[in-house]
C-alpha atoms as a PDB file:
ATOM      1  CA  UNK A   1    -200.297  18.000 -32.378  1.00  0.00           C
ATOM      2  CA  UNK A   2    -199.858  17.919 -36.378  1.00  0.00           C
ATOM      3  CA  UNK A   3    -203.512  17.532 -37.077  1.00  0.00           C
ATOM      4  CA  UNK A   4    -202.298  16.379 -40.548  1.00  0.00           C
ATOM      5  CA  UNK A   5    -200.406  13.577 -38.684  1.00  0.00           C
ATOM      6  CA  UNK A   6    -198.855  12.855 -35.672  1.00  0.00           C
ATOM      7  CA  UNK A   7    -195.115  11.038 -34.988  1.00  0.00           C
ATOM      8  CA  UNK A   8    -194.650   9.369 -32.171  1.00  0.00           C
ATOM      9  CA  UNK A   9    -192.064   6.949 -30.946  1.00  0.00           C
ATOM     10  CA  UNK A  10    -193.577   4.282 -28.114  1.00  0.00           C
ATOM     11  CA  UNK A  11    -191.235   2.995 -25.890  1.00  0.00           C
ATOM     12  CA  UNK A  12    -191.564  -0.570 -24.280  1.00  0.00           C
ATOM     13  CA  UNK A  13    -190.968  -1.929 -20.998  1.00  0.00           C
ATOM     14  CA  UNK A  14    -188.261  -0.047 -19.695  1.00  0.00           C
ATOM     15  CA  UNK A  15    -187.363  -2.300 -16.515  1.00  0.00           C
ATOM     16  CA  UNK A  16    -184.189  -0.121 -15.102  1.00  0.00           C
ATOM     17  CA  UNK A  17    -182.149   0.349 -18.316  1.00  0.00           C
ATOM     18  CA  UNK A  18    -180.993   3.466 -19.721  1.00  0.00           C
ATOM     19  CA  UNK A  19    -181.397   3.303 -23.690  1.00  0.00           C
ATOM     20  CA  UNK A  20    -184.069   5.021 -23.092  1.00  0.00           C
ATOM     21  CA  UNK A  21    -181.844   8.418 -23.159  1.00  0.00           C
ATOM     22  CA  UNK A  22    -180.177   7.615 -26.793  1.00  0.00           C
ATOM     23  CA  UNK A  23    -184.159   6.908 -28.305  1.00  0.00           C
ATOM     24  CA  UNK A  24    -185.501  10.248 -26.629  1.00  0.00           C
ATOM     25  CA  UNK A  25    -183.137  12.184 -28.001  1.00  0.00           C
ATOM     26  CA  UNK A  26    -183.431  10.522 -31.148  1.00  0.00           C
ATOM     27  CA  UNK A  27    -186.869  11.424 -31.326  1.00  0.00           C
ATOM     28  CA  UNK A  28    -186.567  14.625 -30.374  1.00  0.00           C
ATOM     29  CA  UNK A  29    -184.164  15.611 -33.470  1.00  0.00           C
ATOM     30  CA  UNK A  30    -186.659  14.085 -35.600  1.00  0.00           C
ATOM     31  CA  UNK A  31    -189.551  16.356 -33.852  1.00  0.00           C
ATOM     32  CA  UNK A  32    -191.451  13.134 -32.858  1.00  0.00           C
ATOM     33  CA  UNK A  33    -193.211  13.449 -29.498  1.00  0.00           C
ATOM     34  CA  UNK A  34    -192.618  10.262 -27.022  1.00  0.00           C
ATOM     35  CA  UNK A  35    -194.917   8.006 -24.933  1.00  0.00           C
ATOM     36  CA  UNK A  36    -193.330   5.527 -22.567  1.00  0.00           C
ATOM     37  CA  UNK A  37    -195.432   2.520 -22.235  1.00  0.00           C
ATOM     38  CA  UNK A  38    -194.621   2.186 -18.303  1.00  0.00           C
ATOM     39  CA  UNK A  39    -192.654  -0.441 -16.087  1.00  0.00           C
ATOM     40  CA  UNK A  40    -189.999   1.659 -15.399  1.00  0.00           C
ATOM     41  CA  UNK A  41    -188.155  -0.693 -13.021  1.00  0.00           C
ATOM     42  CA  UNK A  42    -187.741  -4.277 -11.098  1.00  0.00           C
ATOM     43  CA  UNK A  43    -184.769  -5.286 -13.378  1.00  0.00           C
ATOM     44  CA  UNK A  44    -183.621  -9.186 -12.468  1.00  0.00           C
ATOM     45  CA  UNK A  45    -180.025  -8.455 -13.450  1.00  0.00           C
ATOM     46  CA  UNK A  46    -179.637  -4.639 -12.696  1.00  0.00           C
ATOM     47  CA  UNK A  47    -178.773  -3.829  -9.269  1.00  0.00           C
ATOM     48  CA  UNK A  48    -181.925  -1.469  -7.256  1.00  0.00           C
ATOM     49  CA  UNK A  49    -179.214   1.621  -7.053  1.00  0.00           C
ATOM     50  CA  UNK A  50    -178.900   1.767 -10.686  1.00  0.00           C
ATOM     51  CA  UNK A  51    -182.514   1.297 -11.418  1.00  0.00           C
ATOM     52  CA  UNK A  52    -183.202   3.876  -8.695  1.00  0.00           C
ATOM     53  CA  UNK A  53    -180.680   6.559 -10.411  1.00  0.00           C
ATOM     54  CA  UNK A  54    -182.206   5.903 -14.060  1.00  0.00           C
ATOM     55  CA  UNK A  55    -185.911   6.814 -12.281  1.00  0.00           C
ATOM     56  CA  UNK A  56    -184.437   9.570 -11.196  1.00  0.00           C
ATOM     57  CA  UNK A  57    -183.118  10.501 -14.269  1.00  0.00           C
ATOM     58  CA  UNK A  58    -186.343   9.938 -16.314  1.00  0.00           C
ATOM     59  CA  UNK A  59    -188.612  11.572 -14.000  1.00  0.00           C
ATOM     60  CA  UNK A  60    -186.030  14.946 -14.746  1.00  0.00           C
ATOM     61  CA  UNK A  61    -186.249  14.170 -18.216  1.00  0.00           C
ATOM     62  CA  UNK A  62    -189.934  13.946 -18.571  1.00  0.00           C
ATOM     63  CA  UNK A  63    -190.630  17.095 -16.345  1.00  0.00           C
ATOM     64  CA  UNK A  64    -188.225  18.922 -18.193  1.00  0.00           C
ATOM     65  CA  UNK A  65    -190.000  17.895 -22.101  1.00  0.00           C
ATOM     66  CA  UNK A  66    -193.436  17.595 -20.553  1.00  0.00           C
ATOM     67  CA  UNK A  67    -195.001  19.109 -23.532  1.00  0.00           C
ATOM     68  CA  UNK A  68    -193.372  15.963 -25.875  1.00  0.00           C
ATOM     69  CA  UNK A  69    -193.148  13.462 -23.685  1.00  0.00           C
ATOM     70  CA  UNK A  70    -195.778  10.750 -21.789  1.00  0.00           C
ATOM     71  CA  UNK A  71    -195.614   8.413 -19.403  1.00  0.00           C
ATOM     72  CA  UNK A  72    -197.959   5.404 -18.808  1.00  0.00           C
ATOM     73  CA  UNK A  73    -197.953   3.326 -15.279  1.00  0.00           C
ATOM     74  CA  UNK A  74    -196.914  -0.353 -15.569  1.00  0.00           C
ATOM     75  CA  UNK A  75    -198.058  -2.625 -13.337  1.00  0.00           C
ATOM     76  CA  UNK A  76    -194.856  -2.776 -11.280  1.00  0.00           C
ATOM     77  CA  UNK A  77    -195.026   1.010 -11.079  1.00  0.00           C
ATOM     78  CA  UNK A  78    -198.593   1.002 -10.035  1.00  0.00           C
ATOM     79  CA  UNK A  79    -197.915  -1.408  -7.313  1.00  0.00           C
ATOM     80  CA  UNK A  80    -195.122   0.875  -5.777  1.00  0.00           C
ATOM     81  CA  UNK A  81    -197.296   4.059  -5.882  1.00  0.00           C
ATOM     82  CA  UNK A  82    -200.216   2.434  -4.442  1.00  0.00           C
ATOM     83  CA  UNK A  83    -198.685   0.152  -1.854  1.00  0.00           C
ATOM     84  CA  UNK A  84    -200.063  -3.572  -3.746  1.00  0.00           C
ATOM     85  CA  UNK A  85    -197.292  -6.662  -2.679  1.00  0.00           C
ATOM     86  CA  UNK A  86    -197.112  -9.717  -4.265  1.00  0.00           C
ATOM     87  CA  UNK A  87    -196.169  -8.751  -7.688  1.00  0.00           C
ATOM     88  CA  UNK A  88    -193.377 -10.860  -9.810  1.00  0.00           C
ATOM     89  CA  UNK A  89    -190.026  -8.896  -9.320  1.00  0.00           C
ATOM     90  CA  UNK A  90    -191.039  -6.402  -6.713  1.00  0.00           C
ATOM     91  CA  UNK A  91    -187.712  -5.235  -4.669  1.00  0.00           C
ATOM     92  CA  UNK A  92    -189.655  -5.157  -1.242  1.00  0.00           C
ATOM     93  CA  UNK A  93    -186.491  -4.200   0.509  1.00  0.00           C
ATOM     94  CA  UNK A  94    -186.322  -0.919  -1.534  1.00  0.00           C
ATOM     95  CA  UNK A  95    -189.973  -0.252  -2.118  1.00  0.00           C
ATOM     96  CA  UNK A  96    -190.354   2.953   0.255  1.00  0.00           C
ATOM     97  CA  UNK A  97    -187.601   4.368  -2.145  1.00  0.00           C
ATOM     98  CA  UNK A  98    -188.953   3.617  -5.152  1.00  0.00           C
ATOM     99  CA  UNK A  99    -192.590   4.726  -3.921  1.00  0.00           C
ATOM    100  CA  UNK A 100    -191.320   8.181  -3.310  1.00  0.00           C
ATOM    101  CA  UNK A 101    -190.188   8.640  -6.772  1.00  0.00           C
ATOM    102  CA  UNK A 102    -193.461   7.968  -8.147  1.00  0.00           C
ATOM    103  CA  UNK A 103    -195.300   9.824  -5.624  1.00  0.00           C
ATOM    104  CA  UNK A 104    -193.193  12.778  -6.193  1.00  0.00           C
ATOM    105  CA  UNK A 105    -193.865  12.828  -9.842  1.00  0.00           C
ATOM    106  CA  UNK A 106    -197.480  11.201  -9.564  1.00  0.00           C
ATOM    107  CA  UNK A 107    -197.939  14.446 -12.023  1.00  0.00           C
ATOM    108  CA  UNK A 108    -195.943  12.883 -14.474  1.00  0.00           C
ATOM    109  CA  UNK A 109    -197.541   9.484 -15.292  1.00  0.00           C
ATOM    110  CA  UNK A 110    -201.179   8.377 -16.281  1.00  0.00           C
ATOM    111  CA  UNK A 111    -202.837   5.660 -17.290  1.00  0.00           C
ATOM    112  CA  UNK A 112    -203.717   6.064 -20.335  1.00  0.00           C
ATOM    113  CA  UNK A 113    -202.514   8.068 -23.691  1.00  0.00           C
ATOM    114  CA  UNK A 114    -204.550   8.698 -26.730  1.00  0.00           C
ATOM    115  CA  UNK A 115    -205.146  10.644 -30.389  1.00  0.00           C
ATOM    116  CA  UNK A 116    -207.288  11.282 -33.089  1.00  0.00           C
ATOM    117  CA  UNK A 117    -206.568  11.908 -36.491  1.00  0.00           C
ATOM    118  CA  UNK A 118    -207.971  14.813 -37.574  1.00  0.00           C
ATOM    119  CA  UNK A 119    -208.645  13.960 -41.106  1.00  0.00           C
ATOM    120  CA  UNK A 120    -209.014  10.374 -40.833  1.00  0.00           C
ATOM    121  CA  UNK A 121    -210.905  10.284 -37.476  1.00  0.00           C
ATOM    122  CA  UNK A 122    -208.772   7.056 -36.202  1.00  0.00           C
ATOM    123  CA  UNK A 123    -208.222   7.152 -32.506  1.00  0.00           C
ATOM    124  CA  UNK A 124    -205.196   5.496 -31.227  1.00  0.00           C
ATOM    125  CA  UNK A 125    -205.183   4.494 -27.947  1.00  0.00           C
ATOM    126  CA  UNK A 126    -201.725   3.197 -25.712  1.00  0.00           C
ATOM    127  CA  UNK A 127    -201.771   1.881 -22.350  1.00  0.00           C
ATOM    128  CA  UNK A 128    -199.529  -0.674 -20.458  1.00  0.00           C
ATOM    129  CA  UNK A 129    -201.193  -3.222 -21.441  1.00  0.00           C
ATOM    130  CA  UNK A 130    -204.193  -3.260 -23.769  1.00  0.00           C
ATOM    131  CA  UNK A 131    -207.788  -2.692 -23.561  1.00  0.00           C
ATOM    132  CA  UNK A 132    -210.483  -5.708 -24.122  1.00  0.00           C
ATOM    133  CA  UNK A 133    -213.753  -5.437 -25.488  1.00  0.00           C
ATOM    134  CA  UNK A 134    -215.001  -7.045 -21.817  1.00  0.00           C
ATOM    135  CA  UNK A 135    -213.047  -4.541 -19.469  1.00  0.00           C
ATOM    136  CA  UNK A 136    -214.534  -1.574 -22.036  1.00  0.00           C
ATOM    137  CA  UNK A 137    -218.143  -3.584 -21.438  1.00  0.00           C
ATOM    138  CA  UNK A 138    -217.907  -3.894 -17.818  1.00  0.00           C
ATOM    139  CA  UNK A 139    -215.950  -1.267 -16.107  1.00  0.00           C
ATOM    140  CA  UNK A 140    -215.052   1.635 -18.896  1.00  0.00           C
ATOM    141  CA  UNK A 141    -218.276   2.139 -20.002  1.00  0.00           C
ATOM    142  CA  UNK A 142    -220.167   2.903 -16.522  1.00  0.00           C
ATOM    143  CA  UNK A 143    -217.710   6.064 -15.719  1.00  0.00           C
ATOM    144  CA  UNK A 144    -219.255   7.664 -19.467  1.00  0.00           C
ATOM    145  CA  UNK A 145    -222.283   9.331 -18.775  1.00  0.00           C
ATOM    146  CA  UNK A 146    -225.135   9.316 -21.580  1.00  0.00           C
ATOM    147  CA  UNK A 147    -224.843  12.311 -23.300  1.00  0.00           C
ATOM    148  CA  UNK A 148    -221.010  12.000 -23.521  1.00  0.00           C
ATOM    149  CA  UNK A 149    -218.933  10.938 -25.540  1.00  0.00           C
ATOM    150  CA  UNK A 150    -214.967  11.672 -23.933  1.00  0.00           C
ATOM    151  CA  UNK A 151    -211.769   9.835 -25.656  1.00  0.00           C
ATOM    152  CA  UNK A 152    -211.334   6.571 -24.001  1.00  0.00           C
ATOM    153  CA  UNK A 153    -207.855   7.951 -22.574  1.00  0.00           C
ATOM    154  CA  UNK A 154    -209.801  10.508 -20.676  1.00  0.00           C
ATOM    155  CA  UNK A 155    -211.779   8.157 -19.065  1.00  0.00           C
ATOM    156  CA  UNK A 156    -209.024   5.371 -18.362  1.00  0.00           C
ATOM    157  CA  UNK A 157    -207.185   8.030 -16.107  1.00  0.00           C
ATOM    158  CA  UNK A 158    -210.329   9.471 -14.285  1.00  0.00           C
ATOM    159  CA  UNK A 159    -210.505   5.911 -13.172  1.00  0.00           C
ATOM    160  CA  UNK A 160    -206.568   5.415 -12.231  1.00  0.00           C
ATOM    161  CA  UNK A 161    -207.309   5.356  -8.467  1.00  0.00           C
ATOM    162  CA  UNK A 162    -210.450   3.115  -8.720  1.00  0.00           C
ATOM    163  CA  UNK A 163    -208.754  -0.599  -7.780  1.00  0.00           C
ATOM    164  CA  UNK A 164    -210.396  -2.043 -11.013  1.00  0.00           C
ATOM    165  CA  UNK A 165    -207.921  -0.899 -12.876  1.00  0.00           C
ATOM    166  CA  UNK A 166    -205.782  -3.761 -11.022  1.00  0.00           C
ATOM    167  CA  UNK A 167    -207.259  -6.472 -12.691  1.00  0.00           C
ATOM    168  CA  UNK A 168    -205.442  -9.900 -13.901  1.00  0.00           C
ATOM    169  CA  UNK A 169    -206.977 -12.295 -16.273  1.00  0.00           C
ATOM    170  CA  UNK A 170    -206.208 -16.061 -16.333  1.00  0.00           C
ATOM    171  CA  UNK A 171    -203.043 -15.411 -18.157  1.00  0.00           C
ATOM    172  CA  UNK A 172    -201.323 -14.126 -15.369  1.00  0.00           C
ATOM    173  CA  UNK A 173    -202.561 -15.828 -13.117  1.00  0.00           C
ATOM    174  CA  UNK A 174    -205.611 -14.026 -11.997  1.00  0.00           C
ATOM    175  CA  UNK A 175    -209.895 -14.465 -12.704  1.00  0.00           C
ATOM    176  CA  UNK A 176    -212.046 -12.666 -14.366  1.00  0.00           C
ATOM    177  CA  UNK A 177    -211.494  -9.839 -17.214  1.00  0.00           C
ATOM    178  CA  UNK A 178    -208.235  -8.260 -17.515  1.00  0.00           C
ATOM    179  CA  UNK A 179    -207.598  -4.518 -16.937  1.00  0.00           C
ATOM    180  CA  UNK A 180    -205.263  -2.310 -18.984  1.00  0.00           C
ATOM    181  CA  UNK A 181    -202.415  -2.905 -16.236  1.00  0.00           C
ATOM    182  CA  UNK A 182    -202.578  -6.482 -16.589  1.00  0.00           C
ATOM    183  CA  UNK A 183    -203.875  -8.205 -19.905  1.00  0.00           C
ATOM    184  CA  UNK A 184    -201.394 -10.372 -21.947  1.00  0.00           C
ATOM    185  CA  UNK A 185    -201.352  -9.616 -25.412  1.00  0.00           C
ATOM    186  CA  UNK A 186    -203.453 -13.004 -26.364  1.00  0.00           C
ATOM    187  CA  UNK A 187    -205.857 -11.593 -24.483  1.00  0.00           C
ATOM    188  CA  UNK A 188    -206.064  -8.272 -26.243  1.00  0.00           C
ATOM    189  CA  UNK A 189    -205.951 -10.698 -29.395  1.00  0.00           C
ATOM    190  CA  UNK A 190    -209.014 -12.532 -28.637  1.00  0.00           C
ATOM    191  CA  UNK A 191    -210.730  -9.764 -27.404  1.00  0.00           C
ATOM    192  CA  UNK A 192    -210.618  -6.687 -28.919  1.00  0.00           C
ATOM    193  CA  UNK A 193    -211.704  -3.436 -28.165  1.00  0.00           C
ATOM    194  CA  UNK A 194    -212.658  -2.774 -32.469  1.00  0.00           C
ATOM    195  CA  UNK A 195    -212.311   0.130 -34.274  1.00  0.00           C
ATOM    196  CA  UNK A 196    -209.688   1.884 -32.792  1.00  0.00           C
ATOM    197  CA  UNK A 197    -205.862   1.215 -33.296  1.00  0.00           C
ATOM    198  CA  UNK A 198    -204.075   0.064 -30.103  1.00  0.00           C
ATOM    199  CA  UNK A 199    -199.941   0.029 -28.650  1.00  0.00           C
ATOM    200  CA  UNK A 200    -199.347  -1.408 -25.756  1.00  0.00           C
ATOM    201  CA  UNK A 201    -196.475  -3.325 -24.026  1.00  0.00           C
ATOM    202  CA  UNK A 202    -195.969  -5.620 -20.677  1.00  0.00           C
ATOM    203  CA  UNK A 203    -196.240  -9.044 -22.559  1.00  0.00           C
ATOM    204  CA  UNK A 204    -192.359 -10.071 -23.857  1.00  0.00           C
ATOM    205  CA  UNK A 205    -192.008 -10.839 -27.152  1.00  0.00           C
ATOM    206  CA  UNK A 206    -189.016 -11.367 -29.625  1.00  0.00           C
ATOM    207  CA  UNK A 207    -189.624  -8.350 -31.986  1.00  0.00           C
ATOM    208  CA  UNK A 208    -191.994  -5.264 -31.766  1.00  0.00           C
ATOM    209  CA  UNK A 209    -195.195  -7.487 -32.702  1.00  0.00           C
ATOM    210  CA  UNK A 210    -198.352  -5.733 -35.266  1.00  0.00           C
ATOM    211  CA  UNK A 211    -201.539  -7.264 -35.912  1.00  0.00           C
ATOM    212  CA  UNK A 212    -204.202  -6.137 -38.384  1.00  0.00           C
ATOM    213  CA  UNK A 213    -207.733  -6.272 -37.555  1.00  0.00           C
ATOM    214  CA  UNK A 214    -209.642  -5.279 -40.128  1.00  0.00           C
ATOM    215  CA  UNK A 215    -208.595  -1.739 -40.293  1.00  0.00           C
ATOM    216  CA  UNK A 216    -207.394  -1.669 -36.602  1.00  0.00           C
ATOM    217  CA  UNK A 217    -203.690  -1.742 -35.863  1.00  0.00           C
ATOM    218  CA  UNK A 218    -202.290  -3.714 -32.360  1.00  0.00           C
ATOM    219  CA  UNK A 219    -198.936  -2.894 -31.686  1.00  0.00           C
ATOM    220  CA  UNK A 220    -197.104  -4.689 -28.857  1.00  0.00           C
ATOM    221  CA  UNK A 221    -193.821  -3.483 -27.575  1.00  0.00           C
ATOM    222  CA  UNK A 222    -191.457  -5.280 -25.015  1.00  0.00           C
ATOM    223  CA  UNK A 223    -188.612  -7.309 -24.755  1.00  0.00           C
ATOM    224  CA  UNK A 224    -188.295 -11.235 -24.372  1.00  0.00           C
ATOM    225  CA  UNK A 225    -185.728 -10.754 -21.309  1.00  0.00           C
ATOM    226  CA  UNK A 226    -185.904  -7.226 -20.825  1.00  0.00           C
ATOM    227  CA  UNK A 227    -182.358  -6.873 -21.195  1.00  0.00           C
ATOM    228  CA  UNK A 228    -182.942  -4.515 -23.966  1.00  0.00           C
ATOM    229  CA  UNK A 229    -186.085  -1.682 -24.748  1.00  0.00           C
ATOM    230  CA  UNK A 230    -187.983  -1.624 -27.741  1.00  0.00           C
ATOM    231  CA  UNK A 231    -189.342   0.732 -29.507  1.00  0.00           C
ATOM    232  CA  UNK A 232    -191.557   1.940 -32.448  1.00  0.00           C
ATOM    233  CA  UNK A 233    -191.867   4.905 -34.664  1.00  0.00           C
ATOM    234  CA  UNK A 234    -195.615   5.565 -35.785  1.00  0.00           C
ATOM    235  CA  UNK A 235    -197.065   8.033 -37.916  1.00  0.00           C
ATOM    236  CA  UNK A 236    -200.923   7.943 -36.879  1.00  0.00           C
END
């Protein structure tokens, strides 16, 4: 990574679409790294056979460009990988096919991504749905030893197999504290983990949304209706 400034394109929820190919080729041609924000399947208007084909191509691309591509798990992907039913859009008749692809390529996916600018020391965290202060205080913090100060994304990635990752807040029909796979955009705005920048998808928006809280920015990248892929190139 470039220690002076780091260029990345963040790609929001794909949900079976193949537009990511052109976005990724453009990014690589510009020497940008690529961060997928999760939710690669479960389209309401594309045939499952197309989505399966697209997911296989996506995994091939990520594996080919592993040095410059990072793929985060979304709630839809996590549901297949960990056999969690009762999720909107979940295509039960094809769950074993999806699960096999995610499981065979488990090494390509992670919960979170992060980068600290060498000069400014500003840290940017990318997850599927965003990190709230309450979730950090209740669940993430306890996974950090007192004498250590690891980057948040490293801690979240170690928590991947913990059921606490699958926490759904009230705005998405659950109870309690929303986790990084399920937090709604408004829940993150109401209770942001401060002192860092955040980039996430999950909450459909008409446009890419950037909010500023003091010196932090919060970017939400997801298309309303999931008929197009939204992305944003950012220099960190």
